[in-house]
Amino acid sequence: MSNCCSDPTEIPKVDPRDLVREQTRYGDLVRELFTSDPEKLMLHELREANTYLRELAALRAHYPSVRLAAIALLEASSLPVLQRIIDKEQASEIGLAATEHLQKLQ
C-alpha cells in the first residue's frame, strides 16, 4: 500500500492558528453577551448565521426584533418555516411579517 492517499479513518488535524482564532472569537462573543446588550449581539450574529440558525431564530428567538430580522433574512428554502410561523401566529406582528416575506419569495 502506498502513502499517496490520505486515510479516511484518520481524524483531520486542526491548524493551531485556526483553533486560537476560534477561541478568541468565542471569548469575545461570551464577553459581549455578558457585558453588552444581548439583543444587539443577536442581531449582529444573525447576519453571519447559517440557514438553520436563522430559521431557529425566526421560530423561537426571545426578542421580537431578532425574530423579525431573522424572518427578513430567510431564503426560498425556508418556506416551510415561514408557513409554520404564519399558522401559529396569524394575527401578530411576527405572523404578518412572515406572510409578507412569504409572498415576496413566491
PDB file of N, CA and C in Angstrom:
ATOM      1  N   MET A   1       0.841  -1.183   0.000  1.00  0.00           N
ATOM      2  CA  MET A   1       0.000   0.000   0.000  1.00  0.00           C
ATOM      3  C   MET A   1       0.885   1.245   0.000  1.00  0.00           C
ATOM      4  N   SER A   2       0.556   2.168  -0.851  1.00  0.00           N
ATOM      5  CA  SER A   2       1.382   3.371  -0.966  1.00  0.00           C
ATOM      6  C   SER A   2       0.873   4.472  -0.035  1.00  0.00           C
ATOM      7  N   ASN A   3       1.700   5.454   0.156  1.00  0.00           N
ATOM      8  CA  ASN A   3       1.356   6.584   1.018  1.00  0.00           C
ATOM      9  C   ASN A   3       0.839   7.779   0.220  1.00  0.00           C
ATOM     10  N   CYS A   4       0.298   7.531  -0.960  1.00  0.00           N
ATOM     11  CA  CYS A   4      -0.126   8.635  -1.807  1.00  0.00           C
ATOM     12  C   CYS A   4      -1.457   9.254  -1.379  1.00  0.00           C
ATOM     13  N   CYS A   5      -2.240   8.508  -0.688  1.00  0.00           N
ATOM     14  CA  CYS A   5      -3.594   8.983  -0.355  1.00  0.00           C
ATOM     15  C   CYS A   5      -3.745   9.121   1.150  1.00  0.00           C
ATOM     16  N   SER A   6      -4.634   9.972   1.539  1.00  0.00           N
ATOM     17  CA  SER A   6      -4.887  10.136   2.969  1.00  0.00           C
ATOM     18  C   SER A   6      -5.845   9.055   3.452  1.00  0.00           C
ATOM     19  N   ASP A   7      -5.717   8.712   4.687  1.00  0.00           N
ATOM     20  CA  ASP A   7      -6.554   7.677   5.298  1.00  0.00           C
ATOM     21  C   ASP A   7      -7.869   8.312   5.742  1.00  0.00           C
ATOM     22  N   PRO A   8      -9.021   7.864   5.191  1.00  0.00           N
ATOM     23  CA  PRO A   8     -10.302   8.481   5.565  1.00  0.00           C
ATOM     24  C   PRO A   8     -10.702   8.226   7.017  1.00  0.00           C
ATOM     25  N   THR A   9     -10.076   7.234   7.644  1.00  0.00           N
ATOM     26  CA  THR A   9     -10.416   6.948   9.041  1.00  0.00           C
ATOM     27  C   THR A   9      -9.606   7.792  10.018  1.00  0.00           C
ATOM     28  N   GLU A  10      -8.585   8.479   9.501  1.00  0.00           N
ATOM     29  CA  GLU A  10      -7.747   9.311  10.355  1.00  0.00           C
ATOM     30  C   GLU A  10      -8.439  10.647  10.632  1.00  0.00           C
ATOM     31  N   ILE A  11      -8.398  11.072  11.859  1.00  0.00           N
ATOM     32  CA  ILE A  11      -9.009  12.343  12.266  1.00  0.00           C
ATOM     33  C   ILE A  11      -8.200  13.484  11.664  1.00  0.00           C
ATOM     34  N   PRO A  12      -8.862  14.430  10.994  1.00  0.00           N
ATOM     35  CA  PRO A  12      -8.111  15.537  10.397  1.00  0.00           C
ATOM     36  C   PRO A  12      -7.452  16.409  11.470  1.00  0.00           C
ATOM     37  N   LYS A  13      -6.269  16.859  11.165  1.00  0.00           N
ATOM     38  CA  LYS A  13      -5.524  17.699  12.101  1.00  0.00           C
ATOM     39  C   LYS A  13      -6.030  19.140  12.013  1.00  0.00           C
ATOM     40  N   VAL A  14      -6.079  19.792  13.156  1.00  0.00           N
ATOM     41  CA  VAL A  14      -6.540  21.173  13.237  1.00  0.00           C
ATOM     42  C   VAL A  14      -5.324  22.089  13.258  1.00  0.00           C
ATOM     43  N   ASP A  15      -5.389  23.120  12.459  1.00  0.00           N
ATOM     44  CA  ASP A  15      -4.325  24.123  12.446  1.00  0.00           C
ATOM     45  C   ASP A  15      -4.404  24.903  13.759  1.00  0.00           C
ATOM     46  N   PRO A  16      -3.314  24.974  14.520  1.00  0.00           N
ATOM     47  CA  PRO A  16      -3.357  25.695  15.804  1.00  0.00           C
ATOM     48  C   PRO A  16      -3.790  27.154  15.667  1.00  0.00           C
ATOM     49  N   ARG A  17      -3.462  27.782  14.534  1.00  0.00           N
ATOM     50  CA  ARG A  17      -3.871  29.177  14.335  1.00  0.00           C
ATOM     51  C   ARG A  17      -5.386  29.283  14.231  1.00  0.00           C
ATOM     52  N   ASP A  18      -6.017  28.316  13.558  1.00  0.00           N
ATOM     53  CA  ASP A  18      -7.479  28.310  13.465  1.00  0.00           C
ATOM     54  C   ASP A  18      -8.116  28.099  14.836  1.00  0.00           C
ATOM     55  N   LEU A  19      -7.514  27.230  15.619  1.00  0.00           N
ATOM     56  CA  LEU A  19      -8.026  26.968  16.961  1.00  0.00           C
ATOM     57  C   LEU A  19      -7.952  28.223  17.826  1.00  0.00           C
ATOM     58  N   VAL A  20      -6.834  28.914  17.791  1.00  0.00           N
ATOM     59  CA  VAL A  20      -6.676  30.148  18.578  1.00  0.00           C
ATOM     60  C   VAL A  20      -7.658  31.201  18.093  1.00  0.00           C
ATOM     61  N   ARG A  21      -7.835  31.313  16.782  1.00  0.00           N
ATOM     62  CA  ARG A  21      -8.776  32.292  16.220  1.00  0.00           C
ATOM     63  C   ARG A  21     -10.202  32.017  16.704  1.00  0.00           C
ATOM     64  N   GLU A  22     -10.620  30.762  16.700  1.00  0.00           N
ATOM     65  CA  GLU A  22     -11.970  30.422  17.151  1.00  0.00           C
ATOM     66  C   GLU A  22     -12.129  30.605  18.658  1.00  0.00           C
ATOM     67  N   GLN A  23     -11.093  30.285  19.420  1.00  0.00           N
ATOM     68  CA  GLN A  23     -11.161  30.510  20.866  1.00  0.00           C
ATOM     69  C   GLN A  23     -11.286  31.998  21.179  1.00  0.00           C
ATOM     70  N   THR A  24     -10.565  32.817  20.449  1.00  0.00           N
ATOM     71  CA  THR A  24     -10.651  34.270  20.636  1.00  0.00           C
ATOM     72  C   THR A  24     -12.035  34.771  20.276  1.00  0.00           C
ATOM     73  N   ARG A  25     -12.557  34.295  19.151  1.00  0.00           N
ATOM     74  CA  ARG A  25     -13.899  34.712  18.725  1.00  0.00           C
ATOM     75  C   ARG A  25     -14.946  34.287  19.758  1.00  0.00           C
ATOM     76  N   TYR A  26     -14.834  33.069  20.267  1.00  0.00           N
ATOM     77  CA  TYR A  26     -15.762  32.585  21.277  1.00  0.00           C
ATOM     78  C   TYR A  26     -15.656  33.416  22.553  1.00  0.00           C
ATOM     79  N   GLY A  27     -14.435  33.737  22.977  1.00  0.00           N
ATOM     80  CA  GLY A  27     -14.241  34.558  24.172  1.00  0.00           C
ATOM     81  C   GLY A  27     -14.831  35.951  23.996  1.00  0.00           C
ATOM     82  N   ASP A  28     -14.618  36.528  22.806  1.00  0.00           N
ATOM     83  CA  ASP A  28     -15.200  37.839  22.528  1.00  0.00           C
ATOM     84  C   ASP A  28     -16.723  37.783  22.547  1.00  0.00           C
ATOM     85  N   LEU A  29     -17.271  36.722  21.979  1.00  0.00           N
ATOM     86  CA  LEU A  29     -18.722  36.566  21.927  1.00  0.00           C
ATOM     87  C   LEU A  29     -19.310  36.439  23.332  1.00  0.00           C
ATOM     88  N   VAL A  30     -18.690  35.637  24.175  1.00  0.00           N
ATOM     89  CA  VAL A  30     -19.173  35.465  25.551  1.00  0.00           C
ATOM     90  C   VAL A  30     -19.049  36.778  26.323  1.00  0.00           C
ATOM     91  N   ARG A  31     -17.920  37.473  26.153  1.00  0.00           N
ATOM     92  CA  ARG A  31     -17.738  38.758  26.844  1.00  0.00           C
ATOM     93  C   ARG A  31     -18.820  39.746  26.422  1.00  0.00           C
ATOM     94  N   GLU A  32     -19.086  39.842  25.131  1.00  0.00           N
ATOM     95  CA  GLU A  32     -20.116  40.750  24.632  1.00  0.00           C
ATOM     96  C   GLU A  32     -21.495  40.355  25.148  1.00  0.00           C
ATOM     97  N   LEU A  33     -21.746  39.063  25.219  1.00  0.00           N
ATOM     98  CA  LEU A  33     -23.049  38.592  25.684  1.00  0.00           C
ATOM     99  C   LEU A  33     -23.314  39.025  27.121  1.00  0.00           C
ATOM    100  N   PHE A  34     -22.280  38.974  27.957  1.00  0.00           N
ATOM    101  CA  PHE A  34     -22.463  39.315  29.366  1.00  0.00           C
ATOM    102  C   PHE A  34     -22.311  40.801  29.669  1.00  0.00           C
ATOM    103  N   THR A  35     -21.620  41.545  28.836  1.00  0.00           N
ATOM    104  CA  THR A  35     -21.375  42.953  29.157  1.00  0.00           C
ATOM    105  C   THR A  35     -22.148  43.917  28.272  1.00  0.00           C
ATOM    106  N   SER A  36     -22.682  43.446  27.173  1.00  0.00           N
ATOM    107  CA  SER A  36     -23.363  44.320  26.232  1.00  0.00           C
ATOM    108  C   SER A  36     -24.852  43.976  26.207  1.00  0.00           C
ATOM    109  N   ASP A  37     -25.545  44.556  25.271  1.00  0.00           N
ATOM    110  CA  ASP A  37     -26.961  44.293  25.093  1.00  0.00           C
ATOM    111  C   ASP A  37     -27.132  42.990  24.303  1.00  0.00           C
ATOM    112  N   PRO A  38     -27.700  41.935  24.897  1.00  0.00           N
ATOM    113  CA  PRO A  38     -27.831  40.661  24.193  1.00  0.00           C
ATOM    114  C   PRO A  38     -28.638  40.757  22.894  1.00  0.00           C
ATOM    115  N   GLU A  39     -29.613  41.626  22.866  1.00  0.00           N
ATOM    116  CA  GLU A  39     -30.434  41.781  21.675  1.00  0.00           C
ATOM    117  C   GLU A  39     -29.597  42.293  20.494  1.00  0.00           C
ATOM    118  N   LYS A  40     -28.764  43.295  20.757  1.00  0.00           N
ATOM    119  CA  LYS A  40     -27.905  43.824  19.694  1.00  0.00           C
ATOM    120  C   LYS A  40     -26.892  42.782  19.240  1.00  0.00           C
ATOM    121  N   LEU A  41     -26.381  42.013  20.181  1.00  0.00           N
ATOM    122  CA  LEU A  41     -25.425  40.965  19.846  1.00  0.00           C
ATOM    123  C   LEU A  41     -26.070  39.903  18.964  1.00  0.00           C
ATOM    124  N   MET A  42     -27.294  39.510  19.290  1.00  0.00           N
ATOM    125  CA  MET A  42     -28.002  38.517  18.477  1.00  0.00           C
ATOM    126  C   MET A  42     -28.281  39.041  17.077  1.00  0.00           C
ATOM    127  N   LEU A  43     -28.670  40.294  16.982  1.00  0.00           N
ATOM    128  CA  LEU A  43     -28.910  40.888  15.669  1.00  0.00           C
ATOM    129  C   LEU A  43     -27.627  40.915  14.835  1.00  0.00           C
ATOM    130  N   HIS A  44     -26.516  41.206  15.474  1.00  0.00           N
ATOM    131  CA  HIS A  44     -25.239  41.227  14.767  1.00  0.00           C
ATOM    132  C   HIS A  44     -24.848  39.826  14.302  1.00  0.00           C
ATOM    133  N   GLU A  45     -24.959  38.841  15.174  1.00  0.00           N
ATOM    134  CA  GLU A  45     -24.567  37.473  14.841  1.00  0.00           C
ATOM    135  C   GLU A  45     -25.517  36.839  13.823  1.00  0.00           C
ATOM    136  N   LEU A  46     -26.736  37.305  13.778  1.00  0.00           N
ATOM    137  CA  LEU A  46     -27.732  36.749  12.860  1.00  0.00           C
ATOM    138  C   LEU A  46     -27.322  36.951  11.408  1.00  0.00           C
ATOM    139  N   ARG A  47     -26.655  38.055  11.128  1.00  0.00           N
ATOM    140  CA  ARG A  47     -26.236  38.333   9.742  1.00  0.00           C
ATOM    141  C   ARG A  47     -25.233  37.307   9.242  1.00  0.00           C
ATOM    142  N   GLU A  48     -24.424  36.747  10.134  1.00  0.00           N
ATOM    143  CA  GLU A  48     -23.403  35.780   9.752  1.00  0.00           C
ATOM    144  C   GLU A  48     -23.851  34.335   9.964  1.00  0.00           C
ATOM    145  N   ALA A  49     -25.052  34.133  10.472  1.00  0.00           N
ATOM    146  CA  ALA A  49     -25.519  32.787  10.813  1.00  0.00           C
ATOM    147  C   ALA A  49     -25.901  31.995   9.571  1.00  0.00           C
ATOM    148  N   ASN A  50     -25.890  30.670   9.723  1.00  0.00           N
ATOM    149  CA  ASN A  50     -26.313  29.810   8.621  1.00  0.00           C
ATOM    150  C   ASN A  50     -27.844  29.729   8.590  1.00  0.00           C
ATOM    151  N   THR A  51     -28.368  29.056   7.592  1.00  0.00           N
ATOM    152  CA  THR A  51     -29.821  28.991   7.385  1.00  0.00           C
ATOM    153  C   THR A  51     -30.530  28.358   8.574  1.00  0.00           C
ATOM    154  N   TYR A  52     -29.961  27.287   9.129  1.00  0.00           N
ATOM    155  CA  TYR A  52     -30.591  26.615  10.264  1.00  0.00           C
ATOM    156  C   TYR A  52     -30.752  27.566  11.447  1.00  0.00           C
ATOM    157  N   LEU A  53     -29.709  28.319  11.769  1.00  0.00           N
ATOM    158  CA  LEU A  53     -29.791  29.233  12.914  1.00  0.00           C
ATOM    159  C   LEU A  53     -30.753  30.385  12.651  1.00  0.00           C
ATOM    160  N   ARG A  54     -30.816  30.840  11.409  1.00  0.00           N
ATOM    161  CA  ARG A  54     -31.781  31.891  11.072  1.00  0.00           C
ATOM    162  C   ARG A  54     -33.206  31.376  11.219  1.00  0.00           C
ATOM    163  N   GLU A  55     -33.451  30.150  10.762  1.00  0.00           N
ATOM    164  CA  GLU A  55     -34.786  29.565  10.911  1.00  0.00           C
ATOM    165  C   GLU A  55     -35.136  29.403  12.385  1.00  0.00           C
ATOM    166  N   LEU A  56     -34.194  28.944  13.164  1.00  0.00           N
ATOM    167  CA  LEU A  56     -34.414  28.774  14.600  1.00  0.00           C
ATOM    168  C   LEU A  56     -34.714  30.108  15.274  1.00  0.00           C
ATOM    169  N   ALA A  57     -33.986  31.150  14.889  1.00  0.00           N
ATOM    170  CA  ALA A  57     -34.231  32.485  15.451  1.00  0.00           C
ATOM    171  C   ALA A  57     -35.604  33.003  15.038  1.00  0.00           C
ATOM    172  N   ALA A  58     -36.000  32.734  13.792  1.00  0.00           N
ATOM    173  CA  ALA A  58     -37.315  33.180  13.324  1.00  0.00           C
ATOM    174  C   ALA A  58     -38.428  32.486  14.102  1.00  0.00           C
ATOM    175  N   LEU A  59     -38.215  31.251  14.473  1.00  0.00           N
ATOM    176  CA  LEU A  59     -39.241  30.489  15.189  1.00  0.00           C
ATOM    177  C   LEU A  59     -39.263  30.787  16.687  1.00  0.00           C
ATOM    178  N   ARG A  60     -38.101  30.932  17.315  1.00  0.00           N
ATOM    179  CA  ARG A  60     -38.072  30.898  18.770  1.00  0.00           C
ATOM    180  C   ARG A  60     -37.287  31.990  19.489  1.00  0.00           C
ATOM    181  N   ALA A  61     -36.743  32.954  18.800  1.00  0.00           N
ATOM    182  CA  ALA A  61     -35.947  33.980  19.489  1.00  0.00           C
ATOM    183  C   ALA A  61     -36.798  34.725  20.516  1.00  0.00           C
ATOM    184  N   HIS A  62     -36.179  35.101  21.605  1.00  0.00           N
ATOM    185  CA  HIS A  62     -36.886  35.776  22.696  1.00  0.00           C
ATOM    186  C   HIS A  62     -37.290  37.202  22.307  1.00  0.00           C
ATOM    187  N   TYR A  63     -36.418  37.887  21.596  1.00  0.00           N
ATOM    188  CA  TYR A  63     -36.676  39.282  21.235  1.00  0.00           C
ATOM    189  C   TYR A  63     -37.432  39.372  19.912  1.00  0.00           C
ATOM    190  N   PRO A  64     -38.535  40.104  19.874  1.00  0.00           N
ATOM    191  CA  PRO A  64     -39.291  40.251  18.616  1.00  0.00           C
ATOM    192  C   PRO A  64     -38.457  40.858  17.487  1.00  0.00           C
ATOM    193  N   SER A  65     -37.561  41.791  17.815  1.00  0.00           N
ATOM    194  CA  SER A  65     -36.741  42.399  16.761  1.00  0.00           C
ATOM    195  C   SER A  65     -35.812  41.370  16.116  1.00  0.00           C
ATOM    196  N   VAL A  66     -35.322  40.429  16.900  1.00  0.00           N
ATOM    197  CA  VAL A  66     -34.465  39.370  16.368  1.00  0.00           C
ATOM    198  C   VAL A  66     -35.288  38.446  15.480  1.00  0.00           C
ATOM    199  N   ARG A  67     -36.501  38.123  15.916  1.00  0.00           N
ATOM    200  CA  ARG A  67     -37.366  37.274  15.090  1.00  0.00           C
ATOM    201  C   ARG A  67     -37.703  37.951  13.769  1.00  0.00           C
ATOM    202  N   LEU A  68     -38.014  39.241  13.810  1.00  0.00           N
ATOM    203  CA  LEU A  68     -38.345  39.968  12.579  1.00  0.00           C
ATOM    204  C   LEU A  68     -37.142  40.031  11.634  1.00  0.00           C
ATOM    205  N   ALA A  69     -35.963  40.266  12.185  1.00  0.00           N
ATOM    206  CA  ALA A  69     -34.760  40.311  11.349  1.00  0.00           C
ATOM    207  C   ALA A  69     -34.468  38.940  10.749  1.00  0.00           C
ATOM    208  N   ALA A  70     -34.674  37.894  11.536  1.00  0.00           N
ATOM    209  CA  ALA A  70     -34.437  36.535  11.032  1.00  0.00           C
ATOM    210  C   ALA A  70     -35.417  36.195   9.913  1.00  0.00           C
ATOM    211  N   ILE A  71     -36.662  36.591  10.061  1.00  0.00           N
ATOM    212  CA  ILE A  71     -37.661  36.343   9.021  1.00  0.00           C
ATOM    213  C   ILE A  71     -37.255  37.055   7.735  1.00  0.00           C
ATOM    214  N   ALA A  72     -36.780  38.277   7.860  1.00  0.00           N
ATOM    215  CA  ALA A  72     -36.379  39.039   6.671  1.00  0.00           C
ATOM    216  C   ALA A  72     -35.177  38.416   5.966  1.00  0.00           C
ATOM    217  N   LEU A  73     -34.356  37.661   6.692  1.00  0.00           N
ATOM    218  CA  LEU A  73     -33.168  37.043   6.103  1.00  0.00           C
ATOM    219  C   LEU A  73     -33.412  35.646   5.538  1.00  0.00           C
ATOM    220  N   LEU A  74     -34.600  35.092   5.765  1.00  0.00           N
ATOM    221  CA  LEU A  74     -34.866  33.736   5.285  1.00  0.00           C
ATOM    222  C   LEU A  74     -34.936  33.702   3.764  1.00  0.00           C
ATOM    223  N   GLU A  75     -34.531  32.561   3.211  1.00  0.00           N
ATOM    224  CA  GLU A  75     -34.497  32.375   1.767  1.00  0.00           C
ATOM    225  C   GLU A  75     -35.606  31.428   1.334  1.00  0.00           C
ATOM    226  N   ALA A  76     -35.665  31.148   0.048  1.00  0.00           N
ATOM    227  CA  ALA A  76     -36.722  30.308  -0.515  1.00  0.00           C
ATOM    228  C   ALA A  76     -36.720  28.892   0.060  1.00  0.00           C
ATOM    229  N   SER A  77     -35.576  28.408   0.498  1.00  0.00           N
ATOM    230  CA  SER A  77     -35.519  27.065   1.085  1.00  0.00           C
ATOM    231  C   SER A  77     -36.222  26.996   2.441  1.00  0.00           C
ATOM    232  N   SER A  78     -36.564  28.135   3.007  1.00  0.00           N
ATOM    233  CA  SER A  78     -37.184  28.199   4.327  1.00  0.00           C
ATOM    234  C   SER A  78     -38.689  28.447   4.268  1.00  0.00           C
ATOM    235  N   LEU A  79     -39.306  28.174   3.142  1.00  0.00           N
ATOM    236  CA  LEU A  79     -40.754  28.390   3.021  1.00  0.00           C
ATOM    237  C   LEU A  79     -41.561  27.605   4.061  1.00  0.00           C
ATOM    238  N   PRO A  80     -41.215  26.346   4.368  1.00  0.00           N
ATOM    239  CA  PRO A  80     -41.985  25.638   5.413  1.00  0.00           C
ATOM    240  C   PRO A  80     -41.909  26.315   6.784  1.00  0.00           C
ATOM    241  N   VAL A  81     -40.778  26.900   7.092  1.00  0.00           N
ATOM    242  CA  VAL A  81     -40.626  27.599   8.376  1.00  0.00           C
ATOM    243  C   VAL A  81     -41.526  28.823   8.407  1.00  0.00           C
ATOM    244  N   LEU A  82     -41.541  29.562   7.319  1.00  0.00           N
ATOM    245  CA  LEU A  82     -42.430  30.730   7.248  1.00  0.00           C
ATOM    246  C   LEU A  82     -43.888  30.311   7.387  1.00  0.00           C
ATOM    247  N   GLN A  83     -44.246  29.207   6.760  1.00  0.00           N
ATOM    248  CA  GLN A  83     -45.624  28.726   6.853  1.00  0.00           C
ATOM    249  C   GLN A  83     -45.970  28.326   8.285  1.00  0.00           C
ATOM    250  N   ARG A  84     -45.024  27.707   8.996  1.00  0.00           N
ATOM    251  CA  ARG A  84     -45.260  27.346  10.402  1.00  0.00           C
ATOM    252  C   ARG A  84     -45.497  28.589  11.249  1.00  0.00           C
ATOM    253  N   ILE A  85     -44.720  29.634  10.996  1.00  0.00           N
ATOM    254  CA  ILE A  85     -44.892  30.878  11.754  1.00  0.00           C
ATOM    255  C   ILE A  85     -46.262  31.477  11.472  1.00  0.00           C
ATOM    256  N   ILE A  86     -46.657  31.477  10.212  1.00  0.00           N
ATOM    257  CA  ILE A  86     -47.962  32.025   9.832  1.00  0.00           C
ATOM    258  C   ILE A  86     -49.088  31.228  10.474  1.00  0.00           C
ATOM    259  N   ASP A  87     -48.976  29.908  10.474  1.00  0.00           N
ATOM    260  CA  ASP A  87     -50.014  29.061  11.072  1.00  0.00           C
ATOM    261  C   ASP A  87     -50.146  29.289  12.578  1.00  0.00           C
ATOM    262  N   LYS A  88     -49.025  29.500  13.263  1.00  0.00           N
ATOM    263  CA  LYS A  88     -49.047  29.674  14.719  1.00  0.00           C
ATOM    264  C   LYS A  88     -49.435  31.077  15.152  1.00  0.00           C
ATOM    265  N   GLU A  89     -49.031  32.094  14.373  1.00  0.00           N
ATOM    266  CA  GLU A  89     -49.178  33.479  14.824  1.00  0.00           C
ATOM    267  C   GLU A  89     -49.752  34.359  13.721  1.00  0.00           C
ATOM    268  N   GLN A  90     -50.928  34.048  13.263  1.00  0.00           N
ATOM    269  CA  GLN A  90     -51.514  34.754  12.118  1.00  0.00           C
ATOM    270  C   GLN A  90     -51.703  36.244  12.355  1.00  0.00           C
ATOM    271  N   ALA A  91     -52.247  36.609  13.474  1.00  0.00           N
ATOM    272  CA  ALA A  91     -52.635  37.999  13.700  1.00  0.00           C
ATOM    273  C   ALA A  91     -51.531  38.855  14.316  1.00  0.00           C
ATOM    274  N   SER A  92     -50.434  38.254  14.705  1.00  0.00           N
ATOM    275  CA  SER A  92     -49.381  39.030  15.373  1.00  0.00           C
ATOM    276  C   SER A  92     -48.492  39.737  14.350  1.00  0.00           C
ATOM    277  N   GLU A  93     -47.641  40.600  14.857  1.00  0.00           N
ATOM    278  CA  GLU A  93     -46.687  41.321  14.006  1.00  0.00           C
ATOM    279  C   GLU A  93     -45.723  40.342  13.335  1.00  0.00           C
ATOM    280  N   ILE A  94     -45.344  39.315  14.070  1.00  0.00           N
ATOM    281  CA  ILE A  94     -44.435  38.292  13.532  1.00  0.00           C
ATOM    282  C   ILE A  94     -45.124  37.544  12.390  1.00  0.00           C
ATOM    283  N   GLY A  95     -46.365  37.157  12.579  1.00  0.00           N
ATOM    284  CA  GLY A  95     -47.114  36.446  11.548  1.00  0.00           C
ATOM    285  C   GLY A  95     -47.318  37.287  10.301  1.00  0.00           C
ATOM    286  N   LEU A  96     -47.586  38.566  10.490  1.00  0.00           N
ATOM    287  CA  LEU A  96     -47.758  39.452   9.336  1.00  0.00           C
ATOM    288  C   LEU A  96     -46.447  39.629   8.566  1.00  0.00           C
ATOM    289  N   ALA A  97     -45.346  39.738   9.290  1.00  0.00           N
ATOM    290  CA  ALA A  97     -44.044  39.859   8.627  1.00  0.00           C
ATOM    291  C   ALA A  97     -43.714  38.577   7.861  1.00  0.00           C
ATOM    292  N   ALA A  98     -44.047  37.430   8.444  1.00  0.00           N
ATOM    293  CA  ALA A  98     -43.812  36.160   7.764  1.00  0.00           C
ATOM    294  C   ALA A  98     -44.669  36.035   6.514  1.00  0.00           C
ATOM    295  N   THR A  99     -45.916  36.493   6.590  1.00  0.00           N
ATOM    296  CA  THR A  99     -46.814  36.464   5.439  1.00  0.00           C
ATOM    297  C   THR A  99     -46.260  37.331   4.302  1.00  0.00           C
ATOM    298  N   GLU A 100     -45.818  38.536   4.634  1.00  0.00           N
ATOM    299  CA  GLU A 100     -45.261  39.442   3.631  1.00  0.00           C
ATOM    300  C   GLU A 100     -44.014  38.852   2.988  1.00  0.00           C
ATOM    301  N   HIS A 101     -43.153  38.274   3.802  1.00  0.00           N
ATOM    302  CA  HIS A 101     -41.914  37.713   3.263  1.00  0.00           C
ATOM    303  C   HIS A 101     -42.197  36.471   2.417  1.00  0.00           C
ATOM    304  N   LEU A 102     -43.160  35.688   2.829  1.00  0.00           N
ATOM    305  CA  LEU A 102     -43.557  34.508   2.044  1.00  0.00           C
ATOM    306  C   LEU A 102     -44.056  34.921   0.670  1.00  0.00           C
ATOM    307  N   GLN A 103     -44.847  35.985   0.638  1.00  0.00           N
ATOM    308  CA  GLN A 103     -45.362  36.473  -0.650  1.00  0.00           C
ATOM    309  C   GLN A 103     -44.223  36.993  -1.541  1.00  0.00           C
ATOM    310  N   LYS A 104     -43.216  37.626  -0.950  1.00  0.00           N
ATOM    311  CA  LYS A 104     -42.067  38.097  -1.727  1.00  0.00           C
ATOM    312  C   LYS A 104     -41.291  36.929  -2.333  1.00  0.00           C
ATOM    313  N   LEU A 105     -41.156  35.856  -1.554  1.00  0.00           N
ATOM    314  CA  LEU A 105     -40.379  34.713  -2.042  1.00  0.00           C
ATOM    315  C   LEU A 105     -41.120  33.897  -3.086  1.00  0.00           C
ATOM    316  N   GLN A 106     -42.441  33.973  -3.087  1.00  0.00           N
ATOM    317  CA  GLN A 106     -43.199  33.168  -4.055  1.00  0.00           C
ATOM    318  C   GLN A 106     -43.427  33.948  -5.261  1.00  0.00           C
TER     319      GLN A 106
END
